[in-house]
Every structure is written in structure tokens, then in C-alpha cells.
Amino acid sequence: MTLPPVAPELAARLANYLIDDRARAILQELAPVLEPHLGTAVDQVIAGAARLNQVADTYRKHGGEFRRTEIAQYQELLKADFGAHYLDRCRDTIEKEAVLGFEGRARMNSAAALLRTAIAVLRRRHRLSPAKLATRIDVLSQAIFFDLATTSTFFLQRVRDAASARRQVIDQAIGEFDGAIGSVIDALKEATGSLTATSSTVQRVTEDTLRRMASASSASAETSQSVDLTVVHHAASRCAFSASSNRCVMSASFSSSAGSGSSSGSSGGGNAGVFGANGSACASRLDKAAKL
């Protein structure tokens, strides 16, 4: 029987797990023997998961879908074609189980359960031929490990793709944030320039105000000094006026006294003439001063 060629991307891995055409033929021989027991093997996984609190809820909700997906995966493995259809099945298995919430350990538990079940079935079938039993268990175990490695590759690729998508979202958010921050910085720079210009204007106005206040203060001081000098001058004038008025009053008094005693002699009459003239001059000055 001629076997179909394997997918080029699987050739090296098949060689690493010692799966050649002879091993592929043995797998095809085992397919009708083991397929009736695939459901039993997966049921062991689901029953065991019910005792694990961290995954019990997932298996309770999606155990049926997990069972169908795992059975389809092992049926494809036992065909031993390892072509494009097998790759599609591996990819579909990982996608379905990941969406349902199953981790990579679910496939590992399933593989272990299948190997235990297969050994029990083959032991009964080849109880009289240990060599044949050993050969078939060896080929089946290598095929199961190969299957785990292949599906794990798709699982890791899915993880990387999800991480890349998250990075793209984060990078996009960072880019948008940088743009927003750039706009804010530009606005701050513009506001800072405006504030600097305003500050310079305020400083110039302040300096001009201070100069004007200094000039006003100086003018006020000069005005106060002029007022003080005026007051002093006015006071001095009033003092001089007061003294002159006193002299005038005295002269007038003497003139009046002289007029009343004109009959006392010629010497008295001479004094009266002098004081009379002075009295008239003083009276005239007092009258002018009173009008001021």
C-alpha cells in the first residue's frame, strides 16, 4: 500500500519522532482497533477534571465539545496521512479548545489517557506476542507525542499572534497618546510664549509705574518744601506786619497825646508835628494791610 506524501513542514518532525512509512502503516493498522475506545479515554480526562477546582467548571460546561474535538483529532492521527488535512485538524482543535477555555494541559491529559487505554487494549489483543505488543506501543507513543508537539506549535503560534495583536493595540494607543501629548506640549509652549510676552509687558508697565511714582513723590516733596517755605515766609511777613502795626499804633498814640497838649509850649508842638506825620503814615499802611 502506497502512503500519501507528508506535508513538507512536518517531514523533519516526523523524522525526529521516528515515524517513517513502516510506523505509519502500523498506525493505520491500529486505527480500527483503537477508535472504539477513544471516547472512553477522553471520558477519563473529563471525570478527572471534575475533581480539580480550577478547571472543573470549564469541563462541566464544555466537556461534550471537548470530547468530540479530541476524538476527531485522534482519528485523524491514526489515519497517518500527515498532510494538509492533518494540519487543518490540528489548527482547528487548538482554536476550538482555546475558545472554550481549555489550556494546553487538557491535550496532555487526553494523550496520557489515550496511551493508558491503548496499552490495556493491545495487551489483551497481543498477550501471546510481547514483541508485537512492544512495537505497537512504541509506535503509538511516538505518534501521540508527535501529535502533542504539532498541536502545541499551533497553540504557541496562537499565543504569539494574540500577543502581537495586543502589542499593535498598545502601540496604536501609545501613538495616539503621543500625538495628544504633542498637541498639549505645543499648546503649553504657545501659552508659555504668550505668558512670557505678557510678563515682559507687565514688567515694563510696572517699571514705568514705579518711575512715575518716583517722579510724583519727588514732585510732592518739592511741593511740600515750597508750601513750607511759603508758610514760613507768610509767617515772617505777618510778624513784620505785626511789629510795624505796633509801631504805628504807638506813633498814633503819641500823635494824639501831642495834639491834646499843643498849648504846653513850642518844644511840645515840634514833637507833635513829627509824631503826627508818622501817625498818618502808619494809619495808611494799616489800612492797606487790612485790605490784603
Protein backbone atom coordinates (compact mmCIF):
# COMPACT_ATOMS: atom_id res chain seq x y z
CA MET A 1 0.00 0.00 0.00
CA THR A 2 1.41 3.33 -1.05
CA LEU A 3 1.19 6.08 1.54
CA PRO A 4 0.48 9.70 0.54
CA PRO A 5 3.33 12.18 0.93
CA VAL A 6 3.52 14.11 4.17
CA ALA A 7 3.35 17.90 4.43
CA PRO A 8 6.82 19.40 3.91
CA GLU A 9 6.61 21.33 7.19
CA LEU A 10 6.03 18.05 9.06
CA ALA A 11 8.77 15.95 7.47
CA ALA A 12 11.54 16.95 9.89
CA ARG A 13 9.38 16.50 12.97
CA LEU A 14 8.18 13.06 11.81
CA ALA A 15 11.80 12.04 11.42
CA ASN A 16 12.62 13.28 14.93
CA TYR A 17 9.88 11.08 16.36
CA LEU A 18 10.99 8.08 14.24
CA ILE A 19 7.72 7.98 12.33
CA ASP A 20 8.59 6.52 8.93
CA ASP A 21 6.43 4.68 6.41
CA ARG A 22 6.62 1.48 8.49
CA ALA A 23 5.39 3.34 11.58
CA ARG A 24 2.66 5.00 9.55
CA ALA A 25 1.49 1.59 8.35
CA ILE A 26 1.33 0.31 11.94
CA LEU A 27 -0.77 3.35 12.93
CA GLN A 28 -3.23 2.62 10.14
CA GLU A 29 -3.39 -0.98 11.39
CA LEU A 30 -4.17 0.22 14.91
CA ALA A 31 -6.92 2.65 13.81
CA PRO A 32 -9.85 0.17 13.71
CA VAL A 33 -8.66 -1.44 16.96
CA LEU A 34 -8.37 1.79 19.00
CA GLU A 35 -11.10 4.07 17.57
CA PRO A 36 -13.91 2.37 19.52
CA HIS A 37 -12.03 3.18 22.74
CA LEU A 38 -11.22 6.84 22.04
CA GLY A 39 -14.37 8.10 23.75
CA THR A 40 -13.59 6.06 26.87
CA ALA A 41 -10.12 7.58 27.09
CA VAL A 42 -11.42 11.16 26.82
CA ASP A 43 -14.16 10.42 29.37
CA GLN A 44 -11.41 9.59 31.88
CA VAL A 45 -9.97 13.07 31.36
CA ILE A 46 -13.34 14.77 31.89
CA ALA A 47 -14.03 12.71 35.04
CA GLY A 48 -10.61 13.53 36.48
CA ALA A 49 -11.01 17.25 35.72
CA ALA A 50 -14.21 17.33 37.77
CA ARG A 51 -12.03 16.90 40.87
CA LEU A 52 -9.88 19.94 40.01
CA ASN A 53 -11.49 23.17 41.19
CA GLN A 54 -9.60 25.40 38.75
CA VAL A 55 -10.89 23.59 35.64
CA ALA A 56 -13.99 21.71 36.84
CA ASP A 57 -16.38 24.44 35.72
CA THR A 58 -14.88 24.55 32.21
CA TYR A 59 -15.18 20.80 31.73
CA ARG A 60 -18.70 20.79 33.17
CA LYS A 61 -19.83 23.42 30.65
CA HIS A 62 -17.87 22.30 27.58
CA GLY A 63 -16.95 18.68 28.27
CA GLY A 64 -19.09 17.38 25.40
CA GLU A 65 -17.44 19.67 22.84
CA PHE A 66 -14.02 18.80 24.21
CA ARG A 67 -14.80 15.08 23.85
CA ARG A 68 -15.87 15.44 20.20
CA THR A 69 -12.85 17.58 19.34
CA GLU A 70 -10.33 15.18 20.89
CA ILE A 71 -11.88 12.10 19.26
CA ALA A 72 -11.72 13.81 15.83
CA GLN A 73 -8.08 14.74 16.44
CA TYR A 74 -7.03 11.15 17.30
CA GLN A 75 -8.99 9.72 14.40
CA GLU A 76 -7.01 11.96 12.07
CA LEU A 77 -3.77 10.93 13.78
CA LEU A 78 -4.49 7.21 13.30
CA LYS A 79 -5.03 7.75 9.55
CA ALA A 80 -1.28 8.52 9.43
CA ASP A 81 -1.62 10.76 6.37
CA PHE A 82 0.15 13.76 7.96
CA GLY A 83 -0.74 16.01 5.07
CA ALA A 84 -2.64 19.28 4.73
CA HIS A 85 -5.82 17.80 6.17
CA TYR A 86 -3.99 16.73 9.33
CA LEU A 87 -2.55 20.24 9.73
CA ASP A 88 -6.01 21.75 9.37
CA ARG A 89 -7.34 19.36 12.00
CA CYS A 90 -4.55 20.33 14.45
CA ARG A 91 -5.23 24.02 13.88
CA ASP A 92 -8.97 23.56 14.30
CA THR A 93 -8.53 21.54 17.50
CA ILE A 94 -6.43 24.22 19.15
CA GLU A 95 -8.73 27.03 18.01
CA LYS A 96 -11.86 25.34 19.31
CA GLU A 97 -10.40 24.30 22.66
CA ALA A 98 -8.80 27.71 23.25
CA VAL A 99 -12.09 29.48 22.58
CA LEU A 100 -13.84 27.17 25.05
CA GLY A 101 -11.23 27.95 27.70
CA PHE A 102 -9.13 24.78 27.64
CA GLU A 103 -5.38 25.12 28.11
CA GLY A 104 -2.55 23.05 26.64
CA ARG A 105 -2.62 20.74 29.66
CA ALA A 106 -6.00 19.44 28.52
CA ARG A 107 -4.40 17.85 25.44
CA MET A 108 -1.60 16.41 27.56
CA ASN A 109 -4.11 14.77 29.90
CA SER A 110 -6.02 13.45 26.92
CA ALA A 111 -2.85 11.97 25.39
CA ALA A 112 -1.95 10.24 28.64
CA ALA A 113 -5.45 8.78 28.96
CA LEU A 114 -5.33 7.53 25.35
CA LEU A 115 -1.98 5.83 25.91
CA ARG A 116 -3.19 4.09 29.07
CA THR A 117 -6.35 2.90 27.34
CA ALA A 118 -4.45 1.74 24.23
CA ILE A 119 -1.93 -0.26 26.27
CA ALA A 120 -4.74 -2.07 28.07
CA VAL A 121 -6.48 -2.86 24.77
CA LEU A 122 -3.30 -4.00 23.00
CA ARG A 123 -2.16 -6.11 25.95
CA ARG A 124 -5.32 -8.14 25.71
CA ARG A 125 -5.01 -8.35 21.94
CA HIS A 126 -1.33 -9.39 21.85
CA ARG A 127 -0.98 -11.27 25.12
CA LEU A 128 0.78 -14.06 23.30
CA SER A 129 3.09 -11.80 21.28
CA PRO A 130 5.08 -9.46 23.54
CA ALA A 131 7.31 -8.28 20.70
CA LYS A 132 4.38 -7.20 18.58
CA LEU A 133 2.84 -5.53 21.63
CA ALA A 134 6.04 -3.61 22.34
CA THR A 135 6.38 -2.49 18.72
CA ARG A 136 2.85 -1.17 18.55
CA ILE A 137 3.04 0.60 21.89
CA ASP A 138 6.35 2.20 20.82
CA VAL A 139 4.91 3.47 17.51
CA LEU A 140 1.69 4.70 19.16
CA SER A 141 3.53 6.55 21.93
CA GLN A 142 5.82 8.29 19.39
CA ALA A 143 2.78 9.24 17.30
CA ILE A 144 0.95 10.66 20.37
CA PHE A 145 3.99 12.72 21.35
CA PHE A 146 4.32 13.94 17.75
CA ASP A 147 0.67 14.94 17.77
CA LEU A 148 1.13 16.88 21.02
CA ALA A 149 4.17 18.69 19.62
CA THR A 150 2.30 19.67 16.45
CA THR A 151 -0.78 20.99 18.22
CA SER A 152 1.44 22.76 20.77
CA THR A 153 3.10 24.58 17.88
CA PHE A 154 -0.25 25.92 16.76
CA PHE A 155 -1.12 26.82 20.34
CA LEU A 156 2.11 28.80 20.75
CA GLN A 157 1.54 30.45 17.39
CA ARG A 158 -1.92 31.49 18.56
CA VAL A 159 -0.42 32.91 21.74
CA ARG A 160 2.18 34.85 19.74
CA ASP A 161 -0.48 36.18 17.37
CA ALA A 162 -2.61 37.31 20.31
CA ALA A 163 0.41 38.97 21.92
CA SER A 164 1.27 40.67 18.62
CA ALA A 165 -2.29 41.93 18.30
CA ARG A 166 -2.14 43.29 21.84
CA ARG A 167 1.18 44.99 21.09
CA GLN A 168 -0.31 46.58 17.98
CA VAL A 169 -3.24 47.88 20.00
CA ILE A 170 -0.87 49.17 22.68
CA ASP A 171 1.44 50.74 20.08
CA GLN A 172 -1.53 52.40 18.42
CA ALA A 173 -2.74 53.70 21.78
CA ILE A 174 0.77 54.95 22.56
CA GLY A 175 0.93 56.64 19.16
CA GLU A 176 -2.40 58.35 19.76
CA PHE A 177 -1.27 59.30 23.25
CA ASP A 178 1.99 60.71 21.88
CA GLY A 179 0.00 62.75 19.38
CA ALA A 180 -2.27 64.08 22.11
CA ILE A 181 0.69 64.83 24.37
CA GLY A 182 2.45 66.55 21.47
CA SER A 183 -0.56 68.79 20.97
CA VAL A 184 -0.67 69.56 24.67
CA ILE A 185 3.05 70.35 24.69
CA ASP A 186 2.67 72.62 21.68
CA ALA A 187 -0.23 74.38 23.39
CA LEU A 188 1.84 74.73 26.55
CA LYS A 189 4.75 76.13 24.55
CA GLU A 190 2.42 78.63 22.89
CA ALA A 191 0.87 79.54 26.23
CA THR A 192 4.34 79.85 27.77
CA GLY A 193 5.43 82.21 24.99
CA SER A 194 2.28 84.25 25.48
CA LEU A 195 2.82 84.32 29.23
CA THR A 196 6.44 85.37 28.71
CA ALA A 197 5.37 88.23 26.45
CA THR A 198 2.66 89.24 28.91
CA SER A 199 5.14 89.06 31.77
CA SER A 200 7.55 91.32 29.89
CA THR A 201 4.75 93.79 29.23
CA VAL A 202 3.67 93.73 32.86
CA GLN A 203 7.28 94.23 33.93
CA ARG A 204 7.65 97.25 31.62
CA VAL A 205 4.38 98.72 32.87
CA THR A 206 5.47 98.12 36.45
CA GLU A 207 8.83 99.78 35.87
CA ASP A 208 7.10 102.75 34.16
CA THR A 209 4.64 102.99 37.06
CA LEU A 210 7.47 102.93 39.56
CA ARG A 211 9.24 105.70 37.65
CA ARG A 212 6.06 107.75 37.59
CA MET A 213 5.50 107.14 41.28
CA ALA A 214 9.08 108.23 41.98
CA SER A 215 8.55 111.38 39.93
CA ALA A 216 5.26 112.07 41.71
CA SER A 217 6.93 111.52 45.07
CA SER A 218 9.73 113.88 44.13
CA ALA A 219 7.23 116.48 42.93
CA SER A 220 5.24 116.02 46.12
CA ALA A 221 8.36 116.55 48.17
CA GLU A 222 9.20 119.68 46.22
CA THR A 223 5.61 120.92 46.63
CA SER A 224 5.75 120.26 50.37
CA GLN A 225 9.04 122.16 50.57
CA SER A 226 7.56 125.09 48.61
CA VAL A 227 4.49 125.09 50.86
CA ASP A 228 6.71 125.06 53.93
CA LEU A 229 8.76 127.98 52.56
CA THR A 230 5.57 129.87 51.72
CA VAL A 231 4.19 129.31 55.19
CA VAL A 232 7.47 130.42 56.76
CA HIS A 233 7.60 133.46 54.51
CA HIS A 234 3.97 134.28 55.27
CA ALA A 235 4.60 133.89 58.99
CA ALA A 236 7.63 136.14 58.77
CA SER A 237 5.60 138.71 56.86
CA ARG A 238 2.86 138.61 59.47
CA CYS A 239 5.45 139.03 62.21
CA ALA A 240 6.93 142.03 60.38
CA PHE A 241 3.46 143.40 59.79
CA SER A 242 2.61 142.93 63.47
CA ALA A 243 5.75 144.75 64.53
CA SER A 244 5.06 147.59 62.10
CA SER A 245 1.48 147.79 63.31
CA ASN A 246 2.65 148.10 66.88
CA ARG A 247 4.94 150.92 65.92
CA CYS A 248 2.15 152.64 64.05
CA VAL A 249 -0.18 152.34 66.98
CA MET A 250 2.42 153.79 69.29
CA SER A 251 3.06 156.63 66.88
CA ALA A 252 -0.62 157.33 66.64
CA SER A 253 -0.88 157.38 70.39
CA PHE A 254 1.95 159.82 70.65
CA SER A 255 0.39 161.97 67.94
CA SER A 256 -2.90 162.09 69.78
CA SER A 257 -1.16 162.98 73.00
CA ALA A 258 0.78 165.71 71.30
CA GLY A 259 -2.32 167.24 69.71
CA SER A 260 -4.06 167.46 73.03
CA GLY A 261 -1.09 169.23 74.65
CA SER A 262 -0.21 171.74 71.90
CA SER A 263 -0.57 174.63 74.34
CA SER A 264 2.24 173.35 76.51
CA GLY A 265 4.96 175.12 74.56
CA SER A 266 6.90 175.24 71.39
CA SER A 267 9.00 172.11 72.14
CA GLY A 268 5.84 170.09 72.58
CA GLY A 269 4.45 171.43 69.33
CA GLY A 270 7.57 170.28 67.42
CA ASN A 271 7.17 166.73 68.73
CA ALA A 272 3.53 166.77 67.84
CA GLY A 273 4.33 167.59 64.27
CA VAL A 274 6.77 164.77 63.96
CA PHE A 275 4.51 162.18 65.58
CA GLY A 276 1.50 163.41 63.70
CA ALA A 277 3.15 162.76 60.34
CA ASN A 278 4.30 159.36 61.42
CA GLY A 279 0.84 158.51 62.75
CA SER A 280 -0.76 159.37 59.43
CA ALA A 281 1.73 157.13 57.51
CA CYS A 282 1.17 154.25 59.90
CA ALA A 283 -2.57 154.54 59.63
CA SER A 284 -2.30 154.43 55.83
CA ARG A 285 -0.19 151.25 55.95
CA LEU A 286 -2.60 149.57 58.39
CA ASP A 287 -5.48 150.30 56.09
CA LYS A 288 -3.68 148.73 53.10
CA ALA A 289 -2.67 145.71 55.14
CA ALA A 290 -6.25 145.20 56.25
CA LYS A 291 -7.36 145.08 52.59
CA LEU A 292 -4.82 142.39 51.70
